[in-house]
């Protein structure tokens, strides 16, 4: 059964064109997230690197659009791009982010880069 799940995951990753070649340097799931738009982040949560993505050596970027209330809480998210194996972890992390207060609700773009040292 585990083999079947691994094969299905590998096939999905290949179909989606994700990088499965050489492992990138670093061991954290996400060391450098970046805000593409203007509001400052007061509290950042680093996403967990999904175990299936590690096993399949999947790395890459996930881009998320987040709706942020005036008081800085994320109320809604929309995935703009990224591997389905990485997306859920990134969305869960950005939902826990807190931004600085602003006069009104804003839409922010956040990009996560998943890269890690994979076990051989």
Protein backbone atom coordinates (compact mmCIF):
# COMPACT_ATOMS: atom_id res chain seq x y z
CA UNK A 1 0.00 0.00 0.00
CA UNK A 2 2.83 2.43 0.88
CA UNK A 3 4.45 1.65 -2.44
CA UNK A 4 1.24 2.45 -4.26
CA UNK A 5 0.88 5.83 -2.52
CA UNK A 6 4.52 6.64 -3.32
CA UNK A 7 4.07 5.74 -6.98
CA UNK A 8 0.89 7.81 -7.24
CA UNK A 9 2.62 10.77 -5.56
CA UNK A 10 5.62 10.45 -7.82
CA UNK A 11 3.40 10.34 -10.88
CA UNK A 12 1.50 13.42 -9.69
CA UNK A 13 4.74 15.32 -9.11
CA UNK A 14 6.08 14.35 -12.53
CA UNK A 15 2.86 15.34 -14.26
CA UNK A 16 2.96 18.71 -12.56
CA UNK A 17 6.54 19.25 -13.64
CA UNK A 18 8.05 19.66 -10.21
CA UNK A 19 11.76 19.39 -9.63
CA UNK A 20 12.83 15.89 -8.61
CA UNK A 21 16.44 16.04 -9.75
CA UNK A 22 19.19 17.05 -7.36
CA UNK A 23 18.37 18.06 -3.81
CA UNK A 24 18.81 21.76 -3.04
CA UNK A 25 20.96 22.94 -0.13
CA UNK A 26 19.44 23.63 3.29
CA UNK A 27 17.26 21.60 5.59
CA UNK A 28 14.34 23.80 6.56
CA UNK A 29 11.03 23.53 4.82
CA UNK A 30 10.91 27.25 4.38
CA UNK A 31 13.64 29.59 5.41
CA UNK A 32 12.78 32.57 3.28
CA UNK A 33 9.21 33.57 2.72
CA UNK A 34 8.70 36.90 1.13
CA UNK A 35 5.93 39.39 0.93
CA UNK A 36 5.38 40.56 -2.58
CA UNK A 37 3.14 43.42 -1.45
CA UNK A 38 3.34 46.11 1.22
CA UNK A 39 2.02 45.26 4.69
CA UNK A 40 4.59 44.22 7.27
CA UNK A 41 4.34 40.88 9.01
CA UNK A 42 4.39 40.93 12.82
CA UNK A 43 4.25 37.16 13.33
CA UNK A 44 5.44 34.56 10.80
CA UNK A 45 4.85 30.82 10.98
CA UNK A 46 7.18 28.52 9.06
CA UNK A 47 5.35 25.72 7.21
CA UNK A 48 6.14 22.09 7.91
CA UNK A 49 7.83 20.23 5.06
CA UNK A 50 5.28 17.51 4.14
CA UNK A 51 6.70 14.01 4.63
CA UNK A 52 5.51 12.77 1.22
CA UNK A 53 7.18 15.75 -0.47
CA UNK A 54 10.41 14.90 1.38
CA UNK A 55 10.22 11.25 0.33
CA UNK A 56 9.64 12.24 -3.28
CA UNK A 57 12.29 14.98 -3.11
CA UNK A 58 9.81 17.63 -4.18
CA UNK A 59 10.91 21.22 -3.75
CA UNK A 60 9.69 24.48 -5.15
CA UNK A 61 7.77 27.67 -4.52
CA UNK A 62 4.19 28.17 -3.41
CA UNK A 63 2.49 31.51 -3.99
CA UNK A 64 -0.57 32.44 -1.94
CA UNK A 65 -2.92 35.42 -2.01
CA UNK A 66 -4.12 36.28 1.50
CA UNK A 67 -6.96 38.57 2.51
CA UNK A 68 -5.92 40.43 5.66
CA UNK A 69 -8.33 42.30 7.93
CA UNK A 70 -7.63 45.80 9.18
CA UNK A 71 -6.43 44.34 12.51
CA UNK A 72 -3.93 42.05 10.74
CA UNK A 73 -5.59 38.60 10.77
CA UNK A 74 -5.70 36.45 7.63
CA UNK A 75 -9.34 35.67 6.79
CA UNK A 76 -9.09 34.07 3.37
CA UNK A 77 -6.44 32.48 1.18
CA UNK A 78 -6.20 31.55 -2.47
CA UNK A 79 -3.42 29.48 -3.97
CA UNK A 80 -1.86 31.16 -7.00
CA UNK A 81 0.66 28.44 -7.75
CA UNK A 82 2.79 25.62 -6.44
CA UNK A 83 3.01 21.87 -6.08
CA UNK A 84 -0.11 20.24 -4.63
CA UNK A 85 2.21 18.33 -2.30
CA UNK A 86 3.41 21.61 -0.75
CA UNK A 87 0.34 23.85 -0.95
CA UNK A 88 -1.58 22.69 2.13
CA UNK A 89 1.36 23.23 4.45
CA UNK A 90 1.97 26.74 3.08
CA UNK A 91 -1.71 27.71 3.37
CA UNK A 92 -1.89 26.49 6.97
CA UNK A 93 1.21 28.51 7.85
CA UNK A 94 0.03 31.77 6.26
CA UNK A 95 -3.34 31.49 8.03
CA UNK A 96 -1.42 31.82 11.32
CA UNK A 97 0.49 34.92 10.20
CA UNK A 98 -0.32 38.28 11.78
CA UNK A 99 0.22 41.52 9.89
CA UNK A 100 0.50 45.07 11.19
CA UNK A 101 -2.79 46.94 11.54
CA UNK A 102 -3.95 49.05 8.60
CA UNK A 103 -6.86 51.41 7.91
CA UNK A 104 -8.70 48.78 5.83
CA UNK A 105 -8.65 45.18 4.62
CA UNK A 106 -5.90 44.38 2.11
CA UNK A 107 -4.84 41.56 -0.16
CA UNK A 108 -1.26 40.38 0.26
CA UNK A 109 0.79 37.99 -1.85
CA UNK A 110 3.10 35.62 0.05
CA UNK A 111 5.62 33.27 -1.53
CA UNK A 112 7.15 30.29 0.24
CA UNK A 113 10.17 28.38 -1.02
CA UNK A 114 10.42 24.77 0.05
CA UNK A 115 13.94 23.44 -0.21
CA UNK A 116 15.69 20.86 1.87
CA UNK A 117 18.50 18.40 2.29
CA UNK A 118 16.89 15.09 1.47
CA UNK A 119 18.00 11.82 3.05
CA UNK A 120 19.72 9.52 0.60
